[in-house]
Amino acid sequence: MRWLLFLSRLSFICGFFFLLSISLRVYNWTHDEVTTSTIIVIGYFIGLIIVPVTNICYLAILFTKRKLKDSVPLWLVLANVLFLASLAYYIFFQYDHPVAY
């Protein structure tokens, strides 16, 4: 189950960069285009793929009645679930514009 630990760590990094990329929308604190584009690519594009895949793997492990805490620390699982919740909020509720009829 070392692959799940690696995937969890990668998902944590991508989730952290997702939060950094959201903060870049509010204020450009880097003042460097290369750094900004790297943060955005890792946060938005890679994070939108890796974070849900990791949480689906967590669910698959839980459905097979294995113990998740034996292979991945609990704080890492909780952090990835919170990153998934922030991704879902960003996708579904941030850009939800009601249609006026």
Protein backbone atom coordinates (compact mmCIF):
# COMPACT_ATOMS: atom_id res chain seq x y z
CA MET A 1 0.00 0.00 0.00
CA ARG A 2 2.96 2.29 -0.48
CA TRP A 3 1.33 3.52 -3.69
CA LEU A 4 -1.57 4.91 -1.65
CA LEU A 5 0.80 6.72 0.68
CA PHE A 6 2.59 8.23 -2.32
CA LEU A 7 -0.73 9.19 -3.93
CA SER A 8 -1.90 10.72 -0.67
CA ARG A 9 1.23 12.83 -0.33
CA LEU A 10 0.96 13.96 -3.94
CA SER A 11 -2.69 14.82 -3.39
CA PHE A 12 -1.80 16.82 -0.30
CA ILE A 13 0.74 18.86 -2.24
CA CYS A 14 -1.70 19.47 -5.09
CA GLY A 15 -4.44 20.47 -2.63
CA PHE A 16 -2.10 22.92 -0.94
CA PHE A 17 -1.20 24.41 -4.32
CA PHE A 18 -4.91 24.64 -5.12
CA LEU A 19 -5.42 26.83 -2.07
CA LEU A 20 -2.40 28.91 -3.10
CA SER A 21 -3.84 29.35 -6.59
CA ILE A 22 -7.13 30.54 -5.13
CA SER A 23 -5.21 33.07 -3.05
CA LEU A 24 -3.49 34.23 -6.23
CA ARG A 25 -6.89 35.14 -7.67
CA VAL A 26 -7.42 37.53 -4.77
CA TYR A 27 -3.97 39.09 -4.67
CA ASN A 28 -0.91 38.47 -6.84
CA TRP A 29 1.64 38.02 -4.08
CA THR A 30 4.34 36.36 -6.19
CA HIS A 31 4.99 39.11 -8.77
CA ASP A 32 6.68 36.47 -10.92
CA GLU A 33 4.96 34.94 -13.93
CA VAL A 34 6.87 31.65 -13.84
CA THR A 35 6.04 31.00 -10.19
CA THR A 36 2.43 32.03 -10.67
CA SER A 37 1.94 29.76 -13.67
CA THR A 38 3.55 26.82 -11.86
CA ILE A 39 1.26 27.27 -8.86
CA ILE A 40 -1.79 27.54 -11.11
CA VAL A 41 -0.93 24.46 -13.17
CA ILE A 42 -0.24 22.30 -10.13
CA GLY A 43 -3.23 23.62 -8.20
CA TYR A 44 -5.96 23.81 -10.79
CA PHE A 45 -5.15 21.23 -13.42
CA ILE A 46 -3.23 18.50 -11.63
CA GLY A 47 -5.14 19.01 -8.38
CA LEU A 48 -8.50 18.64 -10.10
CA ILE A 49 -7.45 15.15 -11.16
CA ILE A 50 -5.30 13.85 -8.31
CA VAL A 51 -7.41 14.89 -5.30
CA PRO A 52 -10.65 13.15 -6.41
CA VAL A 53 -8.76 10.04 -7.55
CA THR A 54 -7.12 9.78 -4.14
CA ASN A 55 -10.44 10.08 -2.33
CA ILE A 56 -11.97 7.45 -4.62
CA CYS A 57 -9.09 5.14 -3.68
CA TYR A 58 -9.84 5.84 -0.01
CA LEU A 59 -13.45 4.81 -0.56
CA ALA A 60 -12.40 1.67 -2.43
CA ILE A 61 -10.14 0.66 0.46
CA LEU A 62 -12.89 1.30 2.97
CA PHE A 63 -15.38 -0.77 0.93
CA THR A 64 -12.97 -3.72 0.86
CA LYS A 65 -12.96 -3.66 4.70
CA ARG A 66 -9.26 -2.86 4.98
CA LYS A 67 -7.94 -0.44 7.56
CA LEU A 68 -6.96 2.82 5.93
CA LYS A 69 -5.01 4.06 8.94
CA ASP A 70 -2.52 1.20 8.59
CA SER A 71 -1.16 2.58 5.33
CA VAL A 72 -1.92 6.34 5.47
CA PRO A 73 -1.82 8.64 8.52
CA LEU A 74 -5.20 9.92 9.63
CA TRP A 75 -4.23 13.60 9.36
CA LEU A 76 -3.30 13.07 5.71
CA VAL A 77 -6.64 11.43 4.95
CA LEU A 78 -8.54 14.24 6.67
CA ALA A 79 -6.53 16.91 4.87
CA ASN A 80 -7.23 15.30 1.49
CA VAL A 81 -10.94 15.06 2.27
CA LEU A 82 -10.95 18.76 3.20
CA PHE A 83 -9.13 19.60 -0.02
CA LEU A 84 -11.79 17.64 -1.92
CA ALA A 85 -14.50 19.62 -0.13
CA SER A 86 -12.81 22.90 -1.05
CA LEU A 87 -12.49 21.74 -4.66
CA ALA A 88 -16.17 20.81 -4.75
CA TYR A 89 -17.15 24.15 -3.25
CA TYR A 90 -15.03 25.99 -5.77
CA ILE A 91 -16.42 24.08 -8.75
CA PHE A 92 -20.09 23.86 -7.84
CA PHE A 93 -20.83 26.95 -5.78
CA GLN A 94 -18.31 29.58 -6.77
CA TYR A 95 -19.39 29.70 -10.40
CA ASP A 96 -23.07 28.98 -9.86
CA HIS A 97 -24.91 31.83 -11.54
CA PRO A 98 -28.68 31.70 -11.33
CA VAL A 99 -30.45 32.05 -14.63
CA ALA A 100 -32.97 34.86 -14.81
CA TYR A 101 -36.07 33.94 -16.78
